[in-house]
């Protein structure tokens, strides 16, 4: 008689766990062979880059990763991420911005100024020729955003499961490659809810990894001792698990001391930057360091050199207008 196997006589869970482990634990030789096969071949991994040519060999946005953008309030995080999103769009990266601190109209108004390099028309403008010029600029900007940019229209706090669902939808249905989430504290109730922050960032990293979408997570730094202090990753608000879980970390710092010296009529060195973008983590890249940037007030762009004119954000790579 054939032997019978009864469910209550075996611990199937144990064997299932063993089977899964066996499937995932593999000899290193398989990957070594892959390394050998790729010798001499061009790196074909899809990457996207920051707007400035001087950074292209230093830092990249890779599929399936999360980049934390952090800065003190008023130091230009949204301006920096908006400019970067424009650059990503010019690189044919389908992008979505979920800003819970700024309405879509305001986001687009600011981005259109960065894109065109010109201050938008205000209500005080009545000259029809001038207004026609700006209408044309807005229409051109609208055409540039077509099939490149989406915005999630929600301000204030948002439920965690809702925004996670929006991210999955964007990846699956809209084929979004770059998702900007501004900001973390609008998605987790309570600045001291460290477990909630850890769980949320863990979910975000899982979505990025599973879909291949790159997530840009905007967050705040603690208030520094003085305006001239340069921040580091230990200044990130909340649990240290945020810094641990993300793949990359970019800190935005505005040179407030230079601004105050200029307003006071003091002499400022020509090579003194208006801002720095500080890379203090890049998991799959070798470079970490500081990028000096200068602010062009008319276009609201950060440019790569002192005195550089605004960049042409419609074309990649970006050259001066």
Protein backbone atom coordinates (compact mmCIF):
# COMPACT_ATOMS: atom_id res chain seq x y z
CA UNK A 1 0.00 0.00 0.00
CA UNK A 2 1.25 3.44 -0.89
CA UNK A 3 2.40 5.53 2.06
CA UNK A 4 0.05 8.34 2.99
CA UNK A 5 1.22 11.82 3.95
CA UNK A 6 -1.00 13.71 6.33
CA UNK A 7 -0.76 17.47 6.86
CA UNK A 8 -0.97 17.20 10.62
CA UNK A 9 2.07 14.91 10.78
CA UNK A 10 4.55 17.28 9.07
CA UNK A 11 5.71 20.82 9.68
CA UNK A 12 5.18 22.08 6.12
CA UNK A 13 6.11 25.64 7.08
CA UNK A 14 9.61 24.50 7.97
CA UNK A 15 10.13 22.84 4.60
CA UNK A 16 8.63 25.74 2.70
CA UNK A 17 11.06 28.10 4.44
CA UNK A 18 13.94 25.78 3.63
CA UNK A 19 12.89 25.62 -0.03
CA UNK A 20 12.78 29.41 -0.30
CA UNK A 21 16.20 29.74 1.31
CA UNK A 22 17.64 27.09 -0.99
CA UNK A 23 16.32 28.95 -4.03
CA UNK A 24 17.88 32.23 -2.94
CA UNK A 25 21.24 31.05 -1.61
CA UNK A 26 23.42 30.55 -4.67
CA UNK A 27 27.14 30.04 -5.31
CA UNK A 28 29.18 33.17 -6.06
CA UNK A 29 30.55 31.62 -9.26
CA UNK A 30 27.42 32.58 -11.17
CA UNK A 31 27.97 36.28 -10.53
CA UNK A 32 31.71 36.01 -11.18
CA UNK A 33 30.94 34.66 -14.64
CA UNK A 34 28.66 37.64 -15.21
CA UNK A 35 31.44 40.05 -14.17
CA UNK A 36 33.82 38.40 -16.63
CA UNK A 37 31.28 38.58 -19.45
CA UNK A 38 30.81 42.32 -18.89
CA UNK A 39 34.53 43.16 -18.99
CA UNK A 40 35.21 45.82 -21.60
CA UNK A 41 31.52 46.44 -22.24
CA UNK A 42 29.95 49.88 -21.96
CA UNK A 43 27.85 50.47 -18.84
CA UNK A 44 24.28 50.28 -20.12
CA UNK A 45 22.47 50.81 -16.81
CA UNK A 46 19.89 53.55 -17.23
CA UNK A 47 20.85 56.58 -15.18
CA UNK A 48 19.65 60.15 -14.86
CA UNK A 49 21.70 63.13 -13.77
CA UNK A 50 21.70 66.44 -11.94
CA UNK A 51 21.34 69.56 -14.13
CA UNK A 52 24.99 70.64 -14.11
CA UNK A 53 27.59 69.07 -16.40
CA UNK A 54 30.27 69.30 -13.74
CA UNK A 55 28.33 66.74 -11.67
CA UNK A 56 27.66 64.12 -14.35
CA UNK A 57 30.75 62.04 -13.54
CA UNK A 58 30.11 62.35 -9.82
CA UNK A 59 26.50 61.48 -9.10
CA UNK A 60 23.57 59.68 -10.75
CA UNK A 61 19.94 58.83 -10.06
CA UNK A 62 19.67 55.06 -10.58
CA UNK A 63 16.50 53.01 -11.10
CA UNK A 64 14.95 51.55 -7.97
CA UNK A 65 16.70 53.91 -5.55
CA UNK A 66 15.56 56.57 -3.09
CA UNK A 67 17.30 59.94 -2.77
CA UNK A 68 16.71 62.00 0.36
CA UNK A 69 16.79 65.78 -0.25
CA UNK A 70 17.15 67.60 3.06
CA UNK A 71 17.67 71.17 4.16
CA UNK A 72 16.75 73.77 6.74
CA UNK A 73 13.51 75.69 6.09
CA UNK A 74 14.11 78.50 3.61
CA UNK A 75 17.31 77.06 2.17
CA UNK A 76 15.84 76.24 -1.26
CA UNK A 77 14.91 72.55 -1.25
CA UNK A 78 11.84 73.06 -3.45
CA UNK A 79 13.71 75.33 -5.88
CA UNK A 80 16.48 72.76 -6.15
CA UNK A 81 14.17 69.77 -6.64
CA UNK A 82 12.05 71.74 -9.13
CA UNK A 83 15.10 72.58 -11.23
CA UNK A 84 16.28 68.98 -11.02
CA UNK A 85 12.86 67.71 -12.11
CA UNK A 86 12.99 69.99 -15.16
CA UNK A 87 16.38 68.52 -16.01
CA UNK A 88 15.08 64.96 -15.57
CA UNK A 89 12.20 65.77 -17.91
CA UNK A 90 14.69 67.03 -20.51
CA UNK A 91 16.40 63.64 -20.13
CA UNK A 92 13.06 61.99 -21.11
CA UNK A 93 12.37 60.84 -17.57
CA UNK A 94 8.60 60.75 -16.96
CA UNK A 95 8.18 62.53 -13.63
CA UNK A 96 5.53 63.15 -10.99
CA UNK A 97 5.57 65.72 -8.18
CA UNK A 98 3.50 65.17 -5.05
CA UNK A 99 3.91 68.41 -3.11
CA UNK A 100 1.82 68.70 0.03
CA UNK A 101 3.20 72.17 0.79
CA UNK A 102 2.60 73.93 -2.55
CA UNK A 103 -0.36 73.96 -4.93
CA UNK A 104 0.22 72.64 -8.47
CA UNK A 105 -0.37 76.09 -10.00
CA UNK A 106 2.38 77.61 -7.83
CA UNK A 107 4.70 74.69 -8.56
CA UNK A 108 4.22 75.16 -12.31
CA UNK A 109 4.58 78.94 -12.09
CA UNK A 110 7.95 78.54 -10.39
CA UNK A 111 9.11 75.77 -12.73
CA UNK A 112 8.04 77.73 -15.82
CA UNK A 113 10.23 80.60 -14.64
CA UNK A 114 13.18 78.25 -14.21
CA UNK A 115 12.46 76.69 -17.61
CA UNK A 116 12.13 79.96 -19.56
CA UNK A 117 14.75 81.88 -17.59
CA UNK A 118 12.35 84.81 -17.26
CA UNK A 119 10.21 86.28 -14.51
CA UNK A 120 6.53 85.49 -15.19
CA UNK A 121 4.05 88.21 -16.13
CA UNK A 122 2.32 89.82 -13.14
CA UNK A 123 -1.09 91.40 -12.89
CA UNK A 124 0.53 94.82 -13.22
CA UNK A 125 1.47 94.05 -16.83
CA UNK A 126 -1.02 95.46 -19.30
CA UNK A 127 0.97 95.70 -22.54
CA UNK A 128 -0.63 93.25 -24.96
CA UNK A 129 2.64 92.52 -26.75
CA UNK A 130 4.35 91.65 -23.48
CA UNK A 131 1.43 89.50 -22.39
CA UNK A 132 1.41 87.72 -25.76
CA UNK A 133 5.09 86.90 -25.27
CA UNK A 134 4.40 85.35 -21.89
CA UNK A 135 1.36 83.45 -23.17
CA UNK A 136 3.61 81.96 -25.83
CA UNK A 137 6.18 81.01 -23.18
CA UNK A 138 3.52 79.28 -21.09
CA UNK A 139 2.25 77.41 -24.15
CA UNK A 140 5.77 76.27 -24.98
CA UNK A 141 6.28 75.17 -21.39
CA UNK A 142 2.98 73.29 -21.51
CA UNK A 143 4.13 71.46 -24.62
CA UNK A 144 7.42 70.60 -22.91
CA UNK A 145 5.58 69.06 -19.93
CA UNK A 146 3.28 66.95 -22.13
CA UNK A 147 3.80 63.24 -21.36
CA UNK A 148 6.73 64.23 -19.14
CA UNK A 149 5.19 65.70 -15.98
CA UNK A 150 2.28 64.84 -13.70
CA UNK A 151 1.29 66.47 -10.41
CA UNK A 152 -0.65 64.99 -7.49
CA UNK A 153 -3.13 67.61 -6.28
CA UNK A 154 -3.20 67.29 -2.50
CA UNK A 155 -2.08 69.80 0.12
CA UNK A 156 -1.66 69.35 3.85
CA UNK A 157 -1.24 65.98 5.50
CA UNK A 158 -1.95 62.79 3.59
CA UNK A 159 -2.69 59.25 4.74
CA UNK A 160 0.28 56.94 4.38
CA UNK A 161 -1.58 54.21 2.52
CA UNK A 162 -3.02 56.77 0.08
CA UNK A 163 0.33 58.21 -1.02
CA UNK A 164 1.87 54.74 -1.24
CA UNK A 165 -1.03 53.75 -3.49
CA UNK A 166 -0.49 56.85 -5.64
CA UNK A 167 3.17 55.90 -6.05
CA UNK A 168 2.32 52.35 -7.14
CA UNK A 169 -0.30 53.69 -9.57
CA UNK A 170 2.19 56.14 -11.09
CA UNK A 171 4.76 53.41 -11.60
CA UNK A 172 2.34 50.82 -13.02
CA UNK A 173 -0.12 52.91 -15.03
CA UNK A 174 1.74 56.09 -15.96
CA UNK A 175 5.21 54.54 -16.26
CA UNK A 176 6.66 57.28 -14.06
CA UNK A 177 10.42 56.96 -13.58
CA UNK A 178 11.02 59.86 -11.18
CA UNK A 179 8.68 60.56 -8.26
CA UNK A 180 9.18 63.63 -6.05
CA UNK A 181 7.56 63.38 -2.61
CA UNK A 182 7.55 66.72 -0.74
CA UNK A 183 7.69 66.14 2.14
CA UNK A 184 8.18 63.19 4.49
CA UNK A 185 6.67 64.94 7.51
CA UNK A 186 3.35 65.42 5.67
CA UNK A 187 3.11 61.63 5.30
CA UNK A 188 3.88 60.64 8.89
CA UNK A 189 1.94 62.16 11.76
CA UNK A 190 4.17 63.49 14.52
CA UNK A 191 7.82 64.53 14.32
CA UNK A 192 8.63 62.12 17.15
CA UNK A 193 6.90 59.11 15.56
CA UNK A 194 10.18 57.40 14.77
CA UNK A 195 8.60 53.97 14.20
CA UNK A 196 6.12 55.52 11.77
CA UNK A 197 8.93 57.28 9.91
CA UNK A 198 10.93 54.06 9.69
CA UNK A 199 7.94 52.07 8.40
CA UNK A 200 7.07 54.71 5.81
CA UNK A 201 10.60 55.04 4.44
CA UNK A 202 10.84 51.24 4.37
CA UNK A 203 7.65 51.12 2.26
CA UNK A 204 8.96 53.84 -0.07
CA UNK A 205 12.26 52.01 -0.61
CA UNK A 206 10.35 48.77 -1.29
CA UNK A 207 8.18 50.49 -3.93
CA UNK A 208 11.27 51.99 -5.59
CA UNK A 209 13.06 48.64 -5.59
CA UNK A 210 10.06 46.66 -6.85
CA UNK A 211 9.03 49.09 -9.62
CA UNK A 212 12.37 50.54 -10.71
CA UNK A 213 11.04 54.05 -10.09
CA UNK A 214 13.46 56.53 -8.51
CA UNK A 215 11.92 58.32 -5.53
CA UNK A 216 13.05 61.79 -4.41
CA UNK A 217 12.03 62.20 -0.76
CA UNK A 218 12.17 65.76 0.58
CA UNK A 219 12.78 66.18 4.31
CA UNK A 220 13.87 68.78 6.85
CA UNK A 221 17.06 69.33 8.78
CA UNK A 222 17.22 70.46 12.36
CA UNK A 223 17.87 74.17 12.84
CA UNK A 224 21.63 74.66 12.79
CA UNK A 225 23.61 76.52 15.45
CA UNK A 226 24.22 79.44 13.08
CA UNK A 227 23.40 80.38 9.50
CA UNK A 228 27.00 79.73 8.43
CA UNK A 229 27.10 76.13 9.73
CA UNK A 230 27.43 73.49 7.01
CA UNK A 231 25.08 70.56 7.74
CA UNK A 232 25.82 66.84 7.60
CA UNK A 233 23.64 63.74 7.70
CA UNK A 234 23.49 63.77 11.50
CA UNK A 235 21.38 66.94 11.21
CA UNK A 236 18.46 65.14 9.51
CA UNK A 237 15.29 65.41 11.60
CA UNK A 238 13.70 62.29 13.03
CA UNK A 239 14.97 58.77 13.31
CA UNK A 240 18.41 57.77 12.09
CA UNK A 241 16.71 54.95 10.20
CA UNK A 242 15.77 57.50 7.50
CA UNK A 243 19.42 58.07 6.61
CA UNK A 244 20.19 54.37 6.92
CA UNK A 245 17.45 53.20 4.55
CA UNK A 246 17.76 55.64 1.65
CA UNK A 247 20.31 55.05 -1.11
CA UNK A 248 21.46 58.63 -1.59
CA UNK A 249 21.42 61.78 0.50
CA UNK A 250 21.67 65.34 -0.83
CA UNK A 251 21.70 68.30 1.56
CA UNK A 252 20.72 71.77 0.31
CA UNK A 253 22.55 74.66 1.99
CA UNK A 254 22.04 78.35 1.30
CA UNK A 255 24.85 80.79 2.05
CA UNK A 256 22.90 83.17 4.29
CA UNK A 257 26.08 84.80 5.59
CA UNK A 258 27.06 85.87 2.07
CA UNK A 259 23.59 87.32 1.58
CA UNK A 260 23.72 89.30 4.82
CA UNK A 261 27.23 90.57 4.00
CA UNK A 262 26.06 91.73 0.57
CA UNK A 263 23.05 93.51 2.06
CA UNK A 264 25.37 95.21 4.53
CA UNK A 265 27.58 96.44 1.66
CA UNK A 266 30.54 94.26 2.58
CA UNK A 267 32.95 92.95 -0.04
CA UNK A 268 32.32 89.30 -0.92
CA UNK A 269 34.76 87.05 -2.76
CA UNK A 270 33.75 86.37 -6.37
CA UNK A 271 34.23 82.63 -5.95
CA UNK A 272 32.12 82.48 -2.77
CA UNK A 273 29.11 80.29 -3.72
CA UNK A 274 25.47 81.20 -3.04
CA UNK A 275 24.61 77.61 -2.20
CA UNK A 276 26.06 74.15 -1.85
CA UNK A 277 24.58 70.79 -2.70
CA UNK A 278 26.21 68.30 -0.38
CA UNK A 279 26.25 64.60 -1.23
CA UNK A 280 26.86 62.75 2.02
CA UNK A 281 25.69 59.32 0.81
CA UNK A 282 25.68 57.54 -2.55
CA UNK A 283 25.26 53.82 -2.00
CA UNK A 284 26.09 52.70 -5.53
CA UNK A 285 28.50 55.45 -6.45
CA UNK A 286 31.99 56.27 -5.28
CA UNK A 287 31.77 60.04 -4.90
CA UNK A 288 30.65 62.10 -1.92
CA UNK A 289 31.38 65.80 -1.55
CA UNK A 290 30.16 69.36 -2.04
CA UNK A 291 28.97 71.10 -5.20
CA UNK A 292 29.29 74.89 -5.30
CA UNK A 293 26.37 76.70 -6.97
CA UNK A 294 25.36 80.30 -7.69
CA UNK A 295 21.82 81.68 -7.75
CA UNK A 296 20.41 83.53 -10.75
CA UNK A 297 17.57 85.62 -9.30
CA UNK A 298 15.80 86.34 -12.60
CA UNK A 299 15.36 82.69 -13.55
CA UNK A 300 15.40 81.24 -10.00
CA UNK A 301 18.00 78.76 -11.25
CA UNK A 302 21.10 77.52 -9.51
CA UNK A 303 23.91 77.85 -12.05
CA UNK A 304 27.32 76.13 -12.04
CA UNK A 305 29.65 79.15 -12.05
CA UNK A 306 29.72 82.69 -10.66
CA UNK A 307 28.18 85.04 -13.20
CA UNK A 308 26.87 82.25 -15.44
CA UNK A 309 23.63 83.10 -17.26
CA UNK A 310 20.55 80.93 -16.92
CA UNK A 311 20.67 77.45 -18.44
CA UNK A 312 18.51 76.23 -21.31
CA UNK A 313 16.39 73.70 -19.42
CA UNK A 314 14.53 72.54 -22.54
CA UNK A 315 17.59 70.84 -24.05
CA UNK A 316 19.93 68.21 -22.65
CA UNK A 317 22.70 68.70 -21.70
CA UNK A 318 21.89 72.20 -20.44
CA UNK A 319 23.92 75.03 -21.88
CA UNK A 320 23.73 78.72 -21.02
CA UNK A 321 20.90 80.65 -22.71
